[in-house]
Amino acid sequence: CASLQEALADVSVAAALTSRRREIATPLLTPRQAC
């Protein structure tokens, strides 16, 4: 795919893997909590 938006077009649940502090209200989960 040319863009992430294209890659997620038919996806309803997208889990972003991040190791940095983000100024986003979405709760941050560990893999064990999220999976």
Full PDB file with SEQRES, HELIX, SHEET, SSBOND, CRYST1, ORIGX, SCALE, CONECT and MASTER records, all heavy atoms in Angstrom:
SEQRES   1 A   35  CYS ALA SER LEU GLN GLU ALA LEU ALA ASP VAL SER VAL          
SEQRES   2 A   35  ALA ALA ALA LEU THR SER ARG ARG ARG GLU ILE ALA THR          
SEQRES   3 A   35  PRO LEU LEU THR PRO ARG GLN ALA CYS                          
HELIX    1 AA1 LEU A    4  ALA A    7  1                                   4    
HELIX    2 AA2 PRO A   31  ALA A   34  1                                   4    
CRYST1    1.000    1.000    1.000  90.00  90.00  90.00 P 1           1          
ORIGX1      1.000000  0.000000  0.000000        0.00000                         
ORIGX2      0.000000  1.000000  0.000000        0.00000                         
ORIGX3      0.000000  0.000000  1.000000        0.00000                         
SCALE1      1.000000  0.000000  0.000000        0.00000                         
SCALE2      0.000000  1.000000  0.000000        0.00000                         
SCALE3      0.000000  0.000000  1.000000        0.00000                         
ATOM      1  N   CYS A   1       0.850  -1.198   0.000  1.00  0.00           N  
ATOM      2  CA  CYS A   1       0.000   0.000   0.000  1.00  0.00           C  
ATOM      3  C   CYS A   1       0.884   1.246   0.000  1.00  0.00           C  
ATOM      4  O   CYS A   1       1.999   1.233   0.514  1.00  0.00           O  
ATOM      5  CB  CYS A   1      -0.921   0.018   1.221  1.00  0.00           C  
ATOM      6  SG  CYS A   1      -2.106  -1.338   1.276  1.00  0.00           S  
ATOM      7  N   ALA A   2       0.332   2.314  -0.541  1.00  0.00           N  
ATOM      8  CA  ALA A   2       1.074   3.574  -0.595  1.00  0.00           C  
ATOM      9  C   ALA A   2       0.963   4.350   0.705  1.00  0.00           C  
ATOM     10  O   ALA A   2       1.827   5.177   1.018  1.00  0.00           O  
ATOM     11  CB  ALA A   2       0.583   4.417  -1.761  1.00  0.00           C  
ATOM     12  N   SER A   3      -0.100   4.129   1.478  1.00  0.00           N  
ATOM     13  CA  SER A   3      -0.306   4.883   2.713  1.00  0.00           C  
ATOM     14  C   SER A   3      -0.949   3.999   3.758  1.00  0.00           C  
ATOM     15  O   SER A   3      -1.585   2.975   3.436  1.00  0.00           O  
ATOM     16  CB  SER A   3      -1.199   6.103   2.462  1.00  0.00           C  
ATOM     17  OG  SER A   3      -2.514   5.682   2.143  1.00  0.00           O  
ATOM     18  N   LEU A   4      -0.819   4.380   5.018  1.00  0.00           N  
ATOM     19  CA  LEU A   4      -1.458   3.629   6.091  1.00  0.00           C  
ATOM     20  C   LEU A   4      -2.972   3.732   5.982  1.00  0.00           C  
ATOM     21  O   LEU A   4      -3.692   2.781   6.291  1.00  0.00           O  
ATOM     22  CB  LEU A   4      -0.976   4.146   7.452  1.00  0.00           C  
ATOM     23  CG  LEU A   4      -1.505   3.398   8.673  1.00  0.00           C  
ATOM     24  CD1 LEU A   4      -1.156   1.917   8.621  1.00  0.00           C  
ATOM     25  CD2 LEU A   4      -0.966   4.019   9.958  1.00  0.00           C  
ATOM     26  N   GLN A   5      -3.453   4.867   5.555  1.00  0.00           N  
ATOM     27  CA  GLN A   5      -4.901   5.036   5.392  1.00  0.00           C  
ATOM     28  C   GLN A   5      -5.447   4.004   4.416  1.00  0.00           C  
ATOM     29  O   GLN A   5      -6.507   3.410   4.643  1.00  0.00           O  
ATOM     30  CB  GLN A   5      -5.207   6.450   4.907  1.00  0.00           C  
ATOM     31  CG  GLN A   5      -6.692   6.789   4.940  1.00  0.00           C  
ATOM     32  CD  GLN A   5      -6.929   8.274   4.747  1.00  0.00           C  
ATOM     33  OE1 GLN A   5      -6.038   9.009   4.341  1.00  0.00           O  
ATOM     34  NE2 GLN A   5      -8.123   8.721   5.060  1.00  0.00           N  
ATOM     35  N   GLU A   6      -4.726   3.763   3.336  1.00  0.00           N  
ATOM     36  CA  GLU A   6      -5.129   2.737   2.364  1.00  0.00           C  
ATOM     37  C   GLU A   6      -5.085   1.351   2.996  1.00  0.00           C  
ATOM     38  O   GLU A   6      -5.973   0.525   2.797  1.00  0.00           O  
ATOM     39  CB  GLU A   6      -4.206   2.789   1.150  1.00  0.00           C  
ATOM     40  CG  GLU A   6      -4.497   1.729   0.104  1.00  0.00           C  
ATOM     41  CD  GLU A   6      -3.449   1.698  -1.008  1.00  0.00           C  
ATOM     42  OE1 GLU A   6      -2.636   2.648  -1.100  1.00  0.00           O  
ATOM     43  OE2 GLU A   6      -3.434   0.707  -1.768  1.00  0.00           O  
ATOM     44  N   ALA A   7      -4.045   1.091   3.792  1.00  0.00           N  
ATOM     45  CA  ALA A   7      -3.880  -0.230   4.404  1.00  0.00           C  
ATOM     46  C   ALA A   7      -4.974  -0.552   5.406  1.00  0.00           C  
ATOM     47  O   ALA A   7      -5.302  -1.721   5.627  1.00  0.00           O  
ATOM     48  CB  ALA A   7      -2.517  -0.298   5.091  1.00  0.00           C  
ATOM     49  N   LEU A   8      -5.562   0.489   6.016  1.00  0.00           N  
ATOM     50  CA  LEU A   8      -6.572   0.276   7.061  1.00  0.00           C  
ATOM     51  C   LEU A   8      -7.994   0.529   6.568  1.00  0.00           C  
ATOM     52  O   LEU A   8      -8.919   0.570   7.377  1.00  0.00           O  
ATOM     53  CB  LEU A   8      -6.281   1.199   8.251  1.00  0.00           C  
ATOM     54  CG  LEU A   8      -4.914   1.042   8.925  1.00  0.00           C  
ATOM     55  CD1 LEU A   8      -4.774   2.034  10.077  1.00  0.00           C  
ATOM     56  CD2 LEU A   8      -4.699  -0.384   9.416  1.00  0.00           C  
ATOM     57  N   ALA A   9      -8.165   0.651   5.265  1.00  0.00           N  
ATOM     58  CA  ALA A   9      -9.468   1.034   4.718  1.00  0.00           C  
ATOM     59  C   ALA A   9     -10.594   0.096   5.145  1.00  0.00           C  
ATOM     60  O   ALA A   9     -11.706   0.555   5.430  1.00  0.00           O  
ATOM     61  CB  ALA A   9      -9.384   1.108   3.195  1.00  0.00           C  
ATOM     62  N   ASP A  10     -10.348  -1.193   5.217  1.00  0.00           N  
ATOM     63  CA  ASP A  10     -11.406  -2.158   5.562  1.00  0.00           C  
ATOM     64  C   ASP A  10     -11.262  -2.693   6.983  1.00  0.00           C  
ATOM     65  O   ASP A  10     -11.872  -3.696   7.346  1.00  0.00           O  
ATOM     66  CB  ASP A  10     -11.410  -3.318   4.574  1.00  0.00           C  
ATOM     67  CG  ASP A  10     -10.114  -4.124   4.622  1.00  0.00           C  
ATOM     68  OD1 ASP A  10      -9.078  -3.567   5.023  1.00  0.00           O  
ATOM     69  OD2 ASP A  10     -10.146  -5.320   4.249  1.00  0.00           O  
ATOM     70  N   VAL A  11     -10.447  -2.015   7.799  1.00  0.00           N  
ATOM     71  CA  VAL A  11     -10.175  -2.469   9.166  1.00  0.00           C  
ATOM     72  C   VAL A  11     -11.064  -1.729  10.151  1.00  0.00           C  
ATOM     73  O   VAL A  11     -11.262  -0.524  10.040  1.00  0.00           O  
ATOM     74  CB  VAL A  11      -8.683  -2.223   9.517  1.00  0.00           C  
ATOM     75  CG1 VAL A  11      -8.435  -2.403  10.999  1.00  0.00           C  
ATOM     76  CG2 VAL A  11      -7.807  -3.173   8.715  1.00  0.00           C  
ATOM     77  N   SER A  12     -11.611  -2.464  11.124  1.00  0.00           N  
ATOM     78  CA  SER A  12     -12.419  -1.808  12.159  1.00  0.00           C  
ATOM     79  C   SER A  12     -11.654  -1.655  13.466  1.00  0.00           C  
ATOM     80  O   SER A  12     -12.000  -0.814  14.301  1.00  0.00           O  
ATOM     81  CB  SER A  12     -13.713  -2.599  12.407  1.00  0.00           C  
ATOM     82  OG  SER A  12     -13.426  -3.937  12.776  1.00  0.00           O  
ATOM     83  N   VAL A  13     -10.612  -2.459  13.665  1.00  0.00           N  
ATOM     84  CA  VAL A  13      -9.801  -2.369  14.871  1.00  0.00           C  
ATOM     85  C   VAL A  13      -8.330  -2.286  14.464  1.00  0.00           C  
ATOM     86  O   VAL A  13      -7.793  -3.223  13.879  1.00  0.00           O  
ATOM     87  CB  VAL A  13      -9.987  -3.582  15.804  1.00  0.00           C  
ATOM     88  CG1 VAL A  13      -9.255  -3.354  17.121  1.00  0.00           C  
ATOM     89  CG2 VAL A  13     -11.448  -3.859  16.050  1.00  0.00           C  
ATOM     90  N   ALA A  14      -7.704  -1.153  14.735  1.00  0.00           N  
ATOM     91  CA  ALA A  14      -6.295  -0.971  14.406  1.00  0.00           C  
ATOM     92  C   ALA A  14      -5.527  -0.644  15.673  1.00  0.00           C  
ATOM     93  O   ALA A  14      -5.799   0.349  16.340  1.00  0.00           O  
ATOM     94  CB  ALA A  14      -6.121   0.153  13.385  1.00  0.00           C  
ATOM     95  N   ALA A  15      -4.582  -1.517  16.028  1.00  0.00           N  
ATOM     96  CA  ALA A  15      -3.780  -1.332  17.230  1.00  0.00           C  
ATOM     97  C   ALA A  15      -2.417  -0.783  16.842  1.00  0.00           C  
ATOM     98  O   ALA A  15      -1.650  -1.451  16.139  1.00  0.00           O  
ATOM     99  CB  ALA A  15      -3.629  -2.648  17.977  1.00  0.00           C  
ATOM    100  N   ALA A  16      -2.121   0.423  17.275  1.00  0.00           N  
ATOM    101  CA  ALA A  16      -0.838   1.055  16.979  1.00  0.00           C  
ATOM    102  C   ALA A  16       0.174   0.673  18.036  1.00  0.00           C  
ATOM    103  O   ALA A  16      -0.074   0.841  19.235  1.00  0.00           O  
ATOM    104  CB  ALA A  16      -0.997   2.572  16.917  1.00  0.00           C  
ATOM    105  N   LEU A  17       1.312   0.168  17.613  1.00  0.00           N  
ATOM    106  CA  LEU A  17       2.384  -0.175  18.543  1.00  0.00           C  
ATOM    107  C   LEU A  17       3.298   1.035  18.714  1.00  0.00           C  
ATOM    108  O   LEU A  17       3.862   1.539  17.745  1.00  0.00           O  
ATOM    109  CB  LEU A  17       3.183  -1.368  18.016  1.00  0.00           C  
ATOM    110  CG  LEU A  17       2.657  -2.757  18.385  1.00  0.00           C  
ATOM    111  CD1 LEU A  17       2.800  -2.998  19.875  1.00  0.00           C  
ATOM    112  CD2 LEU A  17       1.223  -2.949  17.931  1.00  0.00           C  
ATOM    113  N   THR A  18       3.409   1.501  19.935  1.00  0.00           N  
ATOM    114  CA  THR A  18       4.207   2.694  20.188  1.00  0.00           C  
ATOM    115  C   THR A  18       4.989   2.530  21.473  1.00  0.00           C  
ATOM    116  O   THR A  18       4.532   1.868  22.415  1.00  0.00           O  
ATOM    117  CB  THR A  18       3.316   3.949  20.276  1.00  0.00           C  
ATOM    118  OG1 THR A  18       4.139   5.083  20.558  1.00  0.00           O  
ATOM    119  CG2 THR A  18       2.259   3.809  21.357  1.00  0.00           C  
ATOM    120  N   SER A  19       6.178   3.116  21.509  1.00  0.00           N  
ATOM    121  CA  SER A  19       6.982   3.092  22.732  1.00  0.00           C  
ATOM    122  C   SER A  19       7.235   4.500  23.233  1.00  0.00           C  
ATOM    123  O   SER A  19       8.026   4.703  24.147  1.00  0.00           O  
ATOM    124  CB  SER A  19       8.326   2.383  22.467  1.00  0.00           C  
ATOM    125  OG  SER A  19       9.057   3.053  21.460  1.00  0.00           O  
ATOM    126  N   ARG A  20       6.563   5.480  22.649  1.00  0.00           N  
ATOM    127  CA  ARG A  20       6.757   6.875  23.048  1.00  0.00           C  
ATOM    128  C   ARG A  20       5.504   7.429  23.713  1.00  0.00           C  
ATOM    129  O   ARG A  20       4.386   6.987  23.445  1.00  0.00           O  
ATOM    130  CB  ARG A  20       7.093   7.732  21.822  1.00  0.00           C  
ATOM    131  CG  ARG A  20       8.457   7.427  21.224  1.00  0.00           C  
ATOM    132  CD  ARG A  20       8.752   8.366  20.079  1.00  0.00           C  
ATOM    133  NE  ARG A  20       7.898   8.115  18.931  1.00  0.00           N  
ATOM    134  CZ  ARG A  20       7.751   8.958  17.916  1.00  0.00           C  
ATOM    135  NH1 ARG A  20       8.367  10.123  17.929  1.00  0.00           N  
ATOM    136  NH2 ARG A  20       6.978   8.652  16.890  1.00  0.00           N  
ATOM    137  N   ARG A  21       5.695   8.400  24.584  1.00  0.00           N  
ATOM    138  CA  ARG A  21       4.580   9.066  25.226  1.00  0.00           C  
ATOM    139  C   ARG A  21       3.804   9.862  24.164  1.00  0.00           C  
ATOM    140  O   ARG A  21       4.391  10.598  23.365  1.00  0.00           O  
ATOM    141  CB  ARG A  21       5.076  10.018  26.311  1.00  0.00           C  
ATOM    142  CG  ARG A  21       3.962  10.661  27.129  1.00  0.00           C  
ATOM    143  CD  ARG A  21       4.549  11.677  28.098  1.00  0.00           C  
ATOM    144  NE  ARG A  21       5.461  11.039  29.036  1.00  0.00           N  
ATOM    145  CZ  ARG A  21       5.073  10.493  30.173  1.00  0.00           C  
ATOM    146  NH1 ARG A  21       3.795  10.484  30.504  1.00  0.00           N  
ATOM    147  NH2 ARG A  21       5.957   9.947  30.982  1.00  0.00           N  
ATOM    148  N   ARG A  22       2.505   9.672  24.112  1.00  0.00           N  
ATOM    149  CA  ARG A  22       1.685  10.347  23.117  1.00  0.00           C  
ATOM    150  C   ARG A  22       0.646  11.217  23.815  1.00  0.00           C  
ATOM    151  O   ARG A  22       0.052  10.811  24.824  1.00  0.00           O  
ATOM    152  CB  ARG A  22       0.946   9.321  22.235  1.00  0.00           C  
ATOM    153  CG  ARG A  22       1.859   8.315  21.539  1.00  0.00           C  
ATOM    154  CD  ARG A  22       2.500   8.879  20.298  1.00  0.00           C  
ATOM    155  NE  ARG A  22       3.245   7.848  19.564  1.00  0.00           N  
ATOM    156  CZ  ARG A  22       3.798   8.038  18.383  1.00  0.00           C  
ATOM    157  NH1 ARG A  22       3.700   9.217  17.784  1.00  0.00           N  
ATOM    158  NH2 ARG A  22       4.460   7.058  17.800  1.00  0.00           N  
ATOM    159  N   GLU A  23       0.405  12.374  23.262  1.00  0.00           N  
ATOM    160  CA  GLU A  23      -0.627  13.247  23.820  1.00  0.00           C  
ATOM    161  C   GLU A  23      -1.966  12.913  23.178  1.00  0.00           C  
ATOM    162  O   GLU A  23      -2.582  13.713  22.488  1.00  0.00           O  
ATOM    163  CB  GLU A  23      -0.250  14.710  23.589  1.00  0.00           C  
ATOM    164  CG  GLU A  23       0.979  15.138  24.375  1.00  0.00           C  
ATOM    165  CD  GLU A  23       1.290  16.608  24.197  1.00  0.00           C  
ATOM    166  OE1 GLU A  23       0.523  17.301  23.502  1.00  0.00           O  
ATOM    167  OE2 GLU A  23       2.311  17.061  24.742  1.00  0.00           O  
ATOM    168  N   ILE A  24      -2.394  11.663  23.455  1.00  0.00           N  
ATOM    169  CA  ILE A  24      -3.650  11.157  22.906  1.00  0.00           C  
ATOM    170  C   ILE A  24      -4.424  10.545  24.068  1.00  0.00           C  
ATOM    171  O   ILE A  24      -3.859   9.870  24.932  1.00  0.00           O  
ATOM    172  CB  ILE A  24      -3.389  10.102  21.811  1.00  0.00           C  
ATOM    173  CG1 ILE A  24      -2.625  10.745  20.642  1.00  0.00           C  
ATOM    174  CG2 ILE A  24      -4.683   9.497  21.316  1.00  0.00           C  
ATOM    175  CD1 ILE A  24      -2.236   9.769  19.553  1.00  0.00           C  
ATOM    176  N   ALA A  25      -5.719  10.761  24.068  1.00  0.00           N  
ATOM    177  CA  ALA A  25      -6.536  10.311  25.200  1.00  0.00           C  
ATOM    178  C   ALA A  25      -6.773   8.805  25.200  1.00  0.00           C  
ATOM    179  O   ALA A  25      -7.196   8.245  26.211  1.00  0.00           O  
ATOM    180  CB  ALA A  25      -7.876  11.049  25.187  1.00  0.00           C  
ATOM    181  N   THR A  26      -6.513   8.139  24.080  1.00  0.00           N  
ATOM    182  CA  THR A  26      -6.737   6.693  24.003  1.00  0.00           C  
ATOM    183  C   THR A  26      -5.907   5.971  25.064  1.00  0.00           C  
ATOM    184  O   THR A  26      -4.702   6.225  25.184  1.00  0.00           O  
ATOM    185  CB  THR A  26      -6.344   6.165  22.611  1.00  0.00           C  
ATOM    186  OG1 THR A  26      -7.053   6.894  21.614  1.00  0.00           O  
ATOM    187  CG2 THR A  26      -6.657   4.685  22.484  1.00  0.00           C  
ATOM    188  N   PRO A  27      -6.516   5.066  25.839  1.00  0.00           N  
ATOM    189  CA  PRO A  27      -5.761   4.348  26.880  1.00  0.00           C  
ATOM    190  C   PRO A  27      -4.614   3.542  26.281  1.00  0.00           C  
ATOM    191  O   PRO A  27      -4.728   2.982  25.191  1.00  0.00           O  
ATOM    192  CB  PRO A  27      -6.817   3.426  27.509  1.00  0.00           C  
ATOM    193  CG  PRO A  27      -8.126   4.062  27.185  1.00  0.00           C  
ATOM    194  CD  PRO A  27      -7.947   4.717  25.847  1.00  0.00           C  
ATOM    195  N   LEU A  28      -3.510   3.480  26.996  1.00  0.00           N  
ATOM    196  CA  LEU A  28      -2.344   2.725  26.558  1.00  0.00           C  
ATOM    197  C   LEU A  28      -2.376   1.353  27.220  1.00  0.00           C  
ATOM    198  O   LEU A  28      -2.436   1.243  28.442  1.00  0.00           O  
ATOM    199  CB  LEU A  28      -1.070   3.476  26.944  1.00  0.00           C  
ATOM    200  CG  LEU A  28       0.255   2.958  26.374  1.00  0.00           C  
ATOM    201  CD1 LEU A  28       0.241   3.011  24.856  1.00  0.00           C  
ATOM    202  CD2 LEU A  28       1.418   3.775  26.931  1.00  0.00           C  
ATOM    203  N   LEU A  29      -2.315   0.288  26.407  1.00  0.00           N  
ATOM    204  CA  LEU A  29      -2.433  -1.075  26.904  1.00  0.00           C  
ATOM    205  C   LEU A  29      -1.151  -1.856  26.652  1.00  0.00           C  
ATOM    206  O   LEU A  29      -0.422  -1.585  25.702  1.00  0.00           O  
ATOM    207  CB  LEU A  29      -3.594  -1.796  26.211  1.00  0.00           C  
ATOM    208  CG  LEU A  29      -4.974  -1.142  26.290  1.00  0.00           C  
ATOM    209  CD1 LEU A  29      -5.967  -1.920  25.441  1.00  0.00           C  
ATOM    210  CD2 LEU A  29      -5.449  -1.070  27.729  1.00  0.00           C  
ATOM    211  N   THR A  30      -0.904  -2.839  27.505  1.00  0.00           N  
ATOM    212  CA  THR A  30       0.168  -3.789  27.234  1.00  0.00           C  
ATOM    213  C   THR A  30      -0.374  -4.846  26.266  1.00  0.00           C  
ATOM    214  O   THR A  30      -1.597  -5.007  26.126  1.00  0.00           O  
ATOM    215  CB  THR A  30       0.637  -4.482  28.518  1.00  0.00           C  
ATOM    216  OG1 THR A  30      -0.432  -5.304  29.021  1.00  0.00           O  
ATOM    217  CG2 THR A  30       1.061  -3.477  29.572  1.00  0.00           C  
ATOM    218  N   PRO A  31       0.498  -5.604  25.601  1.00  0.00           N  
ATOM    219  CA  PRO A  31       0.018  -6.680  24.730  1.00  0.00           C  
ATOM    220  C   PRO A  31      -0.888  -7.669  25.462  1.00  0.00           C  
ATOM    221  O   PRO A  31      -1.896  -8.113  24.919  1.00  0.00           O  
ATOM    222  CB  PRO A  31       1.311  -7.341  24.251  1.00  0.00           C  
ATOM    223  CG  PRO A  31       2.304  -6.234  24.248  1.00  0.00           C  
ATOM    224  CD  PRO A  31       1.964  -5.417  25.472  1.00  0.00           C  
ATOM    225  N   ARG A  32      -0.552  -7.988  26.686  1.00  0.00           N  
ATOM    226  CA  ARG A  32      -1.365  -8.952  27.442  1.00  0.00           C  
ATOM    227  C   ARG A  32      -2.753  -8.415  27.738  1.00  0.00           C  
ATOM    228  O   ARG A  32      -3.727  -9.169  27.782  1.00  0.00           O  
ATOM    229  CB  ARG A  32      -0.640  -9.324  28.737  1.00  0.00           C  
ATOM    230  CG  ARG A  32      -1.242 -10.505  29.468  1.00  0.00           C  
ATOM    231  CD  ARG A  32      -0.205 -11.205  30.307  1.00  0.00           C  
ATOM    232  NE  ARG A  32       0.864 -11.742  29.483  1.00  0.00           N  
ATOM    233  CZ  ARG A  32       1.984 -12.304  29.980  1.00  0.00           C  
ATOM    234  NH1 ARG A  32       2.152 -12.383  31.286  1.00  0.00           N  
ATOM    235  NH2 ARG A  32       2.904 -12.773  29.165  1.00  0.00           N  
ATOM    236  N   GLN A  33      -2.844  -7.124  27.942  1.00  0.00           N  
ATOM    237  CA  GLN A  33      -4.152  -6.514  28.176  1.00  0.00           C  
ATOM    238  C   GLN A  33      -4.962  -6.385  26.887  1.00  0.00           C  
ATOM    239  O   GLN A  33      -6.175  -6.561  26.888  1.00  0.00           O  
ATOM    240  CB  GLN A  33      -3.972  -5.126  28.803  1.00  0.00           C  
ATOM    241  CG  GLN A  33      -3.408  -5.145  30.210  1.00  0.00           C  
ATOM    242  CD  GLN A  33      -2.974  -3.761  30.678  1.00  0.00           C  
ATOM    243  OE1 GLN A  33      -2.602  -2.901  29.872  1.00  0.00           O  
ATOM    244  NE2 GLN A  33      -3.028  -3.522  31.986  1.00  0.00           N  
ATOM    245  N   ALA A  34      -4.283  -6.087  25.799  1.00  0.00           N  
ATOM    246  CA  ALA A  34      -4.981  -5.790  24.557  1.00  0.00           C  
ATOM    247  C   ALA A  34      -5.386  -7.029  23.763  1.00  0.00           C  
ATOM    248  O   ALA A  34      -6.435  -7.042  23.109  1.00  0.00           O  
ATOM    249  CB  ALA A  34      -4.099  -4.898  23.672  1.00  0.00           C  
ATOM    250  N   CYS A  35      -4.579  -8.078  23.805  1.00  0.00           N  
ATOM    251  CA  CYS A  35      -4.765  -9.194  22.880  1.00  0.00           C  
ATOM    252  C   CYS A  35      -6.062  -9.981  23.058  1.00  0.00           C  
ATOM    253  O   CYS A  35      -6.652 -10.407  22.053  1.00  0.00           O  
ATOM    254  CB  CYS A  35      -3.557 -10.126  22.938  1.00  0.00           C  
ATOM    255  SG  CYS A  35      -2.135  -9.432  22.051  1.00  0.00           S  
TER     256      CYS A  35                                                      
MASTER        0    0    0    2    0    0    0    6  255    1    0    3          
END                                                                             
